């Protein structure tokens, strides 16, 4: 980063931080609107980067994505989805066999248990089809709000909430949109700030920005598309 660029970033951060501290509810809403416009322009094709062809595949992929990269999950599911094509297939699969198939995603025993429990509930209570409501999805074993929001928003185009993964949590705090640490509390605050019809897309935009620009340790502030709107909370001025 050139000196002039660094000074601009440093100055804008200081000014933005002070303004965010005094920000009214209306002011924050206006800033969020500008953030959305900036991210939409930067990532017009933002989408879920897990590979899937139906709701069940997305549900399984999302369970596997916990503490694992989408790239690794996609490598695993490329073979997994050829072998297991229905909820009944996962229910019938021996635990050891399923564990081996997903081993490289990490925490494979817990993930295999969650997959089998969810699949069994889908078979027994939903006719083998992934349910389409938040309430029903949350009754499936191993499925929390994050996973349910991913499935509803991407497989069914239902905006029931905001997906809060590590990127969304980190960027929401860095942008000064929340001070909360708990994912559910972060989600509730974001749902109040972001228009309902953009809840799913907002998650994609933040995730893409977090992966491509706003890195955890060394964010690329010099080229950031929304740097004038960001107080860079928790980021060193020399990063």
Protein backbone atom coordinates (compact mmCIF):
# COMPACT_ATOMS: atom_id res chain seq x y z
CA UNK A 1 0.00 0.00 0.00
CA UNK A 2 1.40 3.42 -0.97
CA UNK A 3 1.81 6.08 1.74
CA UNK A 4 -0.94 8.30 0.36
CA UNK A 5 -3.30 5.34 0.18
CA UNK A 6 -2.41 4.31 3.72
CA UNK A 7 -3.08 7.83 5.04
CA UNK A 8 -6.46 7.90 3.31
CA UNK A 9 -7.38 4.53 4.80
CA UNK A 10 -6.19 5.62 8.24
CA UNK A 11 -8.07 8.92 8.11
CA UNK A 12 -11.28 7.41 6.79
CA UNK A 13 -11.15 4.74 9.49
CA UNK A 14 -10.81 7.30 12.28
CA UNK A 15 -13.62 9.43 10.91
CA UNK A 16 -15.86 6.41 10.30
CA UNK A 17 -15.21 5.01 13.76
CA UNK A 18 -16.24 8.26 15.44
CA UNK A 19 -19.33 8.57 13.28
CA UNK A 20 -20.35 4.99 14.02
CA UNK A 21 -20.07 5.63 17.76
CA UNK A 22 -22.57 8.48 17.39
CA UNK A 23 -24.67 6.71 14.78
CA UNK A 24 -28.44 6.88 15.14
CA UNK A 25 -30.73 4.03 14.19
CA UNK A 26 -31.65 5.89 11.02
CA UNK A 27 -28.01 6.63 10.27
CA UNK A 28 -27.02 2.99 10.60
CA UNK A 29 -29.88 1.95 8.33
CA UNK A 30 -28.68 4.44 5.72
CA UNK A 31 -25.10 3.16 5.99
CA UNK A 32 -26.25 -0.44 5.66
CA UNK A 33 -28.12 0.53 2.50
CA UNK A 34 -24.88 1.93 1.06
CA UNK A 35 -22.93 -1.15 2.19
CA UNK A 36 -25.44 -3.36 0.40
CA UNK A 37 -25.16 -1.27 -2.77
CA UNK A 38 -21.37 -1.48 -2.66
CA UNK A 39 -21.30 -5.23 -2.09
CA UNK A 40 -23.96 -5.87 -4.73
CA UNK A 41 -21.84 -3.98 -7.26
CA UNK A 42 -18.66 -5.78 -6.23
CA UNK A 43 -20.21 -9.27 -6.23
CA UNK A 44 -23.16 -9.32 -8.63
CA UNK A 45 -22.91 -13.10 -8.98
CA UNK A 46 -22.56 -13.95 -5.28
CA UNK A 47 -24.11 -17.31 -4.46
CA UNK A 48 -23.75 -20.34 -2.22
CA UNK A 49 -20.43 -21.98 -3.11
CA UNK A 50 -21.41 -25.44 -1.94
CA UNK A 51 -22.22 -27.77 -4.84
CA UNK A 52 -25.68 -29.35 -4.75
CA UNK A 53 -28.51 -30.32 -7.08
CA UNK A 54 -31.40 -30.67 -4.61
CA UNK A 55 -32.38 -29.63 -1.05
CA UNK A 56 -31.13 -32.85 0.54
CA UNK A 57 -27.69 -32.46 -0.99
CA UNK A 58 -27.50 -28.86 0.24
CA UNK A 59 -28.55 -29.94 3.73
CA UNK A 60 -25.83 -32.62 3.84
CA UNK A 61 -23.19 -30.28 2.38
CA UNK A 62 -24.03 -27.58 4.91
CA UNK A 63 -23.70 -30.00 7.82
CA UNK A 64 -20.31 -31.04 6.46
CA UNK A 65 -19.19 -27.42 6.03
CA UNK A 66 -18.90 -26.81 9.79
CA UNK A 67 -15.22 -26.08 10.55
CA UNK A 68 -14.37 -27.02 6.97
CA UNK A 69 -13.85 -25.15 3.69
CA UNK A 70 -16.44 -25.27 0.93
CA UNK A 71 -13.70 -26.46 -1.42
CA UNK A 72 -13.01 -29.53 0.72
CA UNK A 73 -16.72 -30.23 1.17
CA UNK A 74 -17.26 -30.09 -2.59
CA UNK A 75 -14.46 -32.59 -3.12
CA UNK A 76 -16.05 -34.98 -0.62
CA UNK A 77 -19.64 -34.58 -1.81
CA UNK A 78 -18.66 -35.18 -5.44
CA UNK A 79 -18.38 -38.88 -4.53
CA UNK A 80 -20.75 -38.90 -1.56
CA UNK A 81 -23.75 -37.77 -3.60
CA UNK A 82 -23.17 -40.53 -6.14
CA UNK A 83 -23.40 -43.18 -3.44
CA UNK A 84 -26.17 -41.75 -1.27
CA UNK A 85 -29.06 -40.31 -3.26
CA UNK A 86 -31.92 -40.20 -0.76
CA UNK A 87 -32.55 -39.65 2.93
CA UNK A 88 -33.27 -43.37 3.18
CA UNK A 89 -29.80 -44.11 1.81
CA UNK A 90 -28.16 -42.12 4.60
CA UNK A 91 -30.41 -43.72 7.19
CA UNK A 92 -29.46 -47.21 6.03
CA UNK A 93 -25.75 -46.50 5.71
CA UNK A 94 -23.53 -48.10 8.41
CA UNK A 95 -22.12 -45.37 10.64
CA UNK A 96 -18.52 -46.49 10.07
CA UNK A 97 -19.02 -46.40 6.31
CA UNK A 98 -20.45 -42.88 6.34
CA UNK A 99 -17.75 -41.68 8.71
CA UNK A 100 -15.06 -42.93 6.36
CA UNK A 101 -16.70 -41.22 3.39
CA UNK A 102 -16.68 -37.81 5.11
CA UNK A 103 -13.54 -38.22 7.23
CA UNK A 104 -11.54 -35.44 5.54
CA UNK A 105 -14.12 -32.78 6.44
CA UNK A 106 -13.16 -33.06 10.11
CA UNK A 107 -15.33 -33.91 13.14
CA UNK A 108 -16.56 -36.77 10.97
CA UNK A 109 -18.14 -38.82 13.77
CA UNK A 110 -20.35 -35.98 14.96
CA UNK A 111 -21.19 -35.00 11.38
CA UNK A 112 -22.10 -38.57 10.45
CA UNK A 113 -24.36 -38.77 13.50
CA UNK A 114 -26.06 -35.49 12.57
CA UNK A 115 -26.56 -36.60 8.97
CA UNK A 116 -28.07 -39.96 9.96
CA UNK A 117 -30.31 -38.41 12.62
CA UNK A 118 -31.58 -35.73 10.24
CA UNK A 119 -32.08 -38.23 7.43
CA UNK A 120 -34.05 -40.56 9.68
CA UNK A 121 -36.36 -37.73 10.75
CA UNK A 122 -36.85 -36.73 7.11
CA UNK A 123 -37.84 -40.30 6.23
CA UNK A 124 -40.09 -40.85 9.24
CA UNK A 125 -41.81 -37.47 9.51
CA UNK A 126 -41.53 -35.78 6.12
CA UNK A 127 -42.00 -38.51 3.54
CA UNK A 128 -38.34 -38.44 2.54
CA UNK A 129 -38.45 -34.78 1.52
CA UNK A 130 -36.52 -31.95 3.20
CA UNK A 131 -39.05 -29.72 5.00
CA UNK A 132 -39.54 -26.13 3.85
CA UNK A 133 -40.02 -24.26 7.13
CA UNK A 134 -37.64 -23.10 9.83
CA UNK A 135 -39.70 -24.76 12.55
CA UNK A 136 -39.61 -28.16 10.85
CA UNK A 137 -35.94 -27.98 9.91
CA UNK A 138 -34.96 -27.20 13.49
CA UNK A 139 -36.58 -30.43 14.64
CA UNK A 140 -34.11 -32.44 12.55
CA UNK A 141 -31.16 -33.70 14.53
CA UNK A 142 -27.97 -31.70 14.02
CA UNK A 143 -29.69 -28.80 12.27
CA UNK A 144 -29.44 -25.31 13.75
CA UNK A 145 -30.51 -21.91 12.43
CA UNK A 146 -27.42 -21.46 10.28
CA UNK A 147 -27.97 -24.71 8.40
CA UNK A 148 -31.72 -24.13 8.17
CA UNK A 149 -31.18 -20.63 6.76
CA UNK A 150 -28.76 -21.96 4.15
CA UNK A 151 -31.26 -24.59 3.00
CA UNK A 152 -34.31 -22.33 3.05
CA UNK A 153 -32.61 -19.39 1.36
CA UNK A 154 -30.80 -21.29 -1.37
CA UNK A 155 -32.82 -24.44 -2.03
CA UNK A 156 -36.28 -22.93 -1.51
CA UNK A 157 -35.72 -19.16 -1.99
CA UNK A 158 -37.23 -18.50 1.44
CA UNK A 159 -35.78 -15.61 3.44
CA UNK A 160 -36.37 -16.88 6.97
CA UNK A 161 -33.24 -15.32 8.47
CA UNK A 162 -29.61 -14.39 7.90
CA UNK A 163 -26.92 -17.05 7.70
CA UNK A 164 -24.30 -16.19 10.33
CA UNK A 165 -21.08 -18.09 9.69
CA UNK A 166 -17.59 -17.00 10.75
CA UNK A 167 -17.30 -14.52 7.86
CA UNK A 168 -20.68 -12.91 8.48
CA UNK A 169 -20.02 -12.64 12.23
CA UNK A 170 -16.54 -11.19 11.71
CA UNK A 171 -17.53 -8.64 9.07
CA UNK A 172 -20.68 -7.58 10.93
CA UNK A 173 -18.52 -6.69 13.92
CA UNK A 174 -15.79 -5.07 11.80
CA UNK A 175 -18.37 -2.94 10.00
CA UNK A 176 -19.88 -1.83 13.29
CA UNK A 177 -23.25 -3.43 12.62
CA UNK A 178 -23.21 -5.36 15.90
CA UNK A 179 -21.24 -5.80 19.08
CA UNK A 180 -22.70 -9.22 19.74
CA UNK A 181 -20.64 -12.41 19.65
CA UNK A 182 -23.45 -14.96 19.74
CA UNK A 183 -24.55 -15.96 16.19
CA UNK A 184 -28.26 -15.87 17.01
CA UNK A 185 -28.01 -12.39 18.52
CA UNK A 186 -26.00 -11.20 15.52
CA UNK A 187 -28.66 -12.63 13.23
CA UNK A 188 -31.46 -10.85 15.06
CA UNK A 189 -29.66 -7.50 14.74
CA UNK A 190 -28.92 -8.00 11.05
CA UNK A 191 -32.53 -8.97 10.37
CA UNK A 192 -33.56 -5.56 11.71
CA UNK A 193 -31.03 -3.70 9.54
CA UNK A 194 -31.31 -5.56 6.24
CA UNK A 195 -34.48 -5.71 4.10
CA UNK A 196 -36.10 -9.15 4.41
CA UNK A 197 -35.93 -9.86 0.69
CA UNK A 198 -32.13 -9.48 0.87
CA UNK A 199 -31.38 -11.63 3.93
CA UNK A 200 -30.01 -14.54 1.90
CA UNK A 201 -28.07 -12.36 -0.50
CA UNK A 202 -26.63 -10.24 2.31
CA UNK A 203 -25.02 -13.35 3.76
CA UNK A 204 -23.55 -14.23 0.36
CA UNK A 205 -22.19 -10.72 -0.12
CA UNK A 206 -20.47 -10.68 3.27
CA UNK A 207 -19.11 -14.21 2.81
CA UNK A 208 -17.71 -13.38 -0.62
CA UNK A 209 -16.21 -10.13 0.69
CA UNK A 210 -14.68 -11.97 3.63
CA UNK A 211 -13.11 -14.58 1.35
CA UNK A 212 -11.92 -12.21 -1.36
CA UNK A 213 -11.09 -8.90 0.33
CA UNK A 214 -11.81 -8.54 4.04
CA UNK A 215 -9.53 -11.26 5.38
CA UNK A 216 -9.44 -12.02 9.09
CA UNK A 217 -5.81 -11.07 9.77
CA UNK A 218 -4.72 -8.87 6.88
CA UNK A 219 -7.75 -7.26 5.22
CA UNK A 220 -7.09 -5.63 1.86
CA UNK A 221 -8.40 -2.23 2.92
CA UNK A 222 -6.50 -0.46 0.16
CA UNK A 223 -8.70 -2.04 -2.49
CA UNK A 224 -11.88 -2.46 -0.42
CA UNK A 225 -15.04 -1.48 -2.27
CA UNK A 226 -16.77 -0.29 0.92
CA UNK A 227 -13.82 1.07 2.92
CA UNK A 228 -15.39 4.53 3.28
CA UNK A 229 -18.31 2.90 5.09
CA UNK A 230 -16.22 0.73 7.42
CA UNK A 231 -14.87 1.76 10.85
CA UNK A 232 -12.48 -1.21 10.75
CA UNK A 233 -13.34 -2.22 14.30
CA UNK A 234 -10.73 -4.56 15.67
CA UNK A 235 -8.33 -3.98 12.79
CA UNK A 236 -4.91 -2.41 13.32
CA UNK A 237 -4.41 0.84 11.39
CA UNK A 238 -1.18 -0.53 9.95
CA UNK A 239 -2.78 -3.69 8.55
